[in-house]
């Protein structure tokens, strides 16, 4: 919730032209390599730092999480020109090796991505949406 509340606070400032939404693949662009083993921040700063870009990615997120966050404050208060969305990877595959229950079926994961895009279109009707392909689930075995 603290990450969500921080994103809501950023949304209220209203100065976001490029919005990134997604899971760890998006989230790790903010990491500096010091507090995390990932090193996306230098690249983020170089290519997106001057574009009024905001990164609302959260590692482990699924489509239903992004949808809830958009409906609870992250989708209000600003008008981005472009939205970069990469979500759905965590909806595929199995819950865990010890719980081999599928997270979602492919139609369910697809419906979740569609619901997020529809919410974005409702919240930001003039924004261009770049929907990036999701990675397939890891091989279980």
Protein backbone atom coordinates (compact mmCIF):
# COMPACT_ATOMS: atom_id res chain seq x y z
CA UNK A 1 0.00 0.00 0.00
CA UNK A 2 2.86 2.41 0.67
CA UNK A 3 4.04 2.14 -2.95
CA UNK A 4 0.47 2.67 -4.18
CA UNK A 5 0.01 5.69 -1.92
CA UNK A 6 3.28 7.13 -3.21
CA UNK A 7 2.09 6.70 -6.79
CA UNK A 8 -1.22 8.38 -5.94
CA UNK A 9 0.74 11.32 -4.52
CA UNK A 10 2.77 11.54 -7.75
CA UNK A 11 -0.42 11.36 -9.82
CA UNK A 12 -1.89 14.27 -7.88
CA UNK A 13 1.11 16.44 -8.82
CA UNK A 14 -0.13 16.18 -12.40
CA UNK A 15 3.20 16.48 -14.23
CA UNK A 16 3.38 13.08 -15.97
CA UNK A 17 3.71 12.93 -19.75
CA UNK A 18 4.92 9.33 -20.01
CA UNK A 19 3.52 6.68 -17.67
CA UNK A 20 5.07 3.24 -17.26
CA UNK A 21 2.90 0.51 -15.70
CA UNK A 22 3.82 -3.09 -15.10
CA UNK A 23 5.49 -5.68 -12.92
CA UNK A 24 9.17 -6.24 -12.03
CA UNK A 25 10.23 -5.76 -15.64
CA UNK A 26 9.01 -2.17 -15.33
CA UNK A 27 9.74 -1.72 -11.63
CA UNK A 28 13.46 -2.50 -11.97
CA UNK A 29 14.04 0.56 -14.19
CA UNK A 30 14.09 2.61 -10.98
CA UNK A 31 16.82 0.51 -9.29
CA UNK A 32 20.28 2.01 -8.97
CA UNK A 33 22.36 -1.15 -8.51
CA UNK A 34 23.32 -0.06 -5.00
CA UNK A 35 20.21 -0.95 -3.04
CA UNK A 36 19.28 -3.65 -5.55
CA UNK A 37 21.18 -5.97 -7.87
CA UNK A 38 19.38 -4.44 -10.86
CA UNK A 39 20.78 -1.43 -12.64
CA UNK A 40 17.98 0.12 -14.65
CA UNK A 41 18.12 3.62 -13.15
CA UNK A 42 21.08 4.95 -15.18
CA UNK A 43 19.33 3.92 -18.40
CA UNK A 44 16.02 5.34 -17.12
CA UNK A 45 17.69 8.63 -16.26
CA UNK A 46 19.43 8.83 -19.64
CA UNK A 47 16.45 8.05 -21.85
CA UNK A 48 13.38 9.01 -19.82
CA UNK A 49 14.62 11.43 -17.17
CA UNK A 50 13.80 14.54 -19.18
CA UNK A 51 10.39 13.35 -20.41
CA UNK A 52 8.30 13.88 -17.27
CA UNK A 53 8.10 10.11 -17.01
CA UNK A 54 6.72 8.19 -14.03
CA UNK A 55 7.27 4.54 -13.23
CA UNK A 56 4.29 2.95 -11.48
CA UNK A 57 5.63 -0.61 -11.84
CA UNK A 58 5.57 -2.99 -8.87
CA UNK A 59 7.43 -6.28 -8.85
CA UNK A 60 5.06 -9.25 -8.75
CA UNK A 61 2.06 -7.30 -9.99
CA UNK A 62 -0.73 -8.98 -11.87
CA UNK A 63 -3.40 -7.43 -14.06
CA UNK A 64 -5.92 -7.30 -11.22
CA UNK A 65 -3.46 -5.35 -9.06
CA UNK A 66 -2.84 -2.70 -11.74
CA UNK A 67 -6.56 -2.43 -12.40
CA UNK A 68 -7.30 -1.89 -8.70
CA UNK A 69 -4.54 0.70 -8.38
CA UNK A 70 -5.80 2.64 -11.40
CA UNK A 71 -9.33 2.63 -9.98
CA UNK A 72 -8.07 3.78 -6.59
CA UNK A 73 -6.14 6.94 -7.37
CA UNK A 74 -3.32 6.10 -9.76
CA UNK A 75 -5.49 6.83 -12.79
CA UNK A 76 -6.50 10.35 -11.79
CA UNK A 77 -4.87 13.78 -11.59
CA UNK A 78 -2.76 13.86 -14.75
CA UNK A 79 -2.99 13.44 -18.53
CA UNK A 80 -0.11 11.43 -19.96
CA UNK A 81 0.67 11.63 -23.65
CA UNK A 82 2.01 8.07 -23.72
CA UNK A 83 1.46 5.00 -21.54
CA UNK A 84 3.84 2.06 -21.68
CA UNK A 85 2.15 -1.07 -20.32
CA UNK A 86 3.74 -4.46 -19.75
CA UNK A 87 1.58 -6.62 -17.53
CA UNK A 88 0.30 -10.18 -17.51
CA UNK A 89 3.47 -12.24 -17.06
CA UNK A 90 2.65 -12.91 -13.41
CA UNK A 91 -0.85 -14.03 -14.37
CA UNK A 92 0.60 -16.95 -16.33
CA UNK A 93 2.38 -20.03 -15.09
CA UNK A 94 1.94 -21.82 -11.79
CA UNK A 95 1.52 -20.38 -8.30
CA UNK A 96 4.73 -22.09 -7.14
CA UNK A 97 6.63 -25.36 -7.31
CA UNK A 98 4.90 -26.48 -4.12
CA UNK A 99 1.49 -25.25 -5.31
CA UNK A 100 1.29 -26.28 -8.97
CA UNK A 101 -2.14 -24.67 -9.42
CA UNK A 102 -2.24 -22.45 -12.54
CA UNK A 103 -2.49 -18.76 -11.65
CA UNK A 104 -4.83 -17.98 -14.51
CA UNK A 105 -5.82 -19.57 -17.78
CA UNK A 106 -4.62 -17.87 -20.96
CA UNK A 107 -8.14 -16.47 -21.61
CA UNK A 108 -8.26 -15.12 -18.03
CA UNK A 109 -4.84 -13.49 -18.35
CA UNK A 110 -5.86 -12.01 -21.70
CA UNK A 111 -9.10 -10.69 -20.22
CA UNK A 112 -7.08 -9.06 -17.43
CA UNK A 113 -4.81 -7.24 -19.89
CA UNK A 114 -7.87 -6.10 -21.87
CA UNK A 115 -9.50 -4.80 -18.67
CA UNK A 116 -6.37 -2.78 -17.82
CA UNK A 117 -6.25 -1.29 -21.33
CA UNK A 118 -9.96 -0.42 -21.15
CA UNK A 119 -9.43 1.29 -17.79
CA UNK A 120 -6.48 3.24 -19.19
CA UNK A 121 -8.57 4.28 -22.20
CA UNK A 122 -11.33 5.46 -19.82
CA UNK A 123 -8.92 7.35 -17.53
CA UNK A 124 -6.69 8.74 -20.29
CA UNK A 125 -8.70 8.88 -23.53
CA UNK A 126 -6.14 10.99 -25.42
CA UNK A 127 -3.03 8.99 -24.48
CA UNK A 128 -1.22 6.66 -26.86
CA UNK A 129 -0.97 3.23 -25.24
CA UNK A 130 2.01 1.02 -26.02
CA UNK A 131 1.05 -2.51 -25.01
CA UNK A 132 4.20 -4.58 -24.80
CA UNK A 133 4.16 -8.36 -25.19
CA UNK A 134 4.40 -10.41 -22.03
CA UNK A 135 7.06 -13.02 -21.43
CA UNK A 136 5.96 -16.65 -21.31
CA UNK A 137 5.90 -18.31 -17.90
CA UNK A 138 9.10 -19.87 -16.63
CA UNK A 139 9.52 -23.54 -17.33
CA UNK A 140 8.35 -25.51 -14.34
CA UNK A 141 10.50 -28.50 -13.64
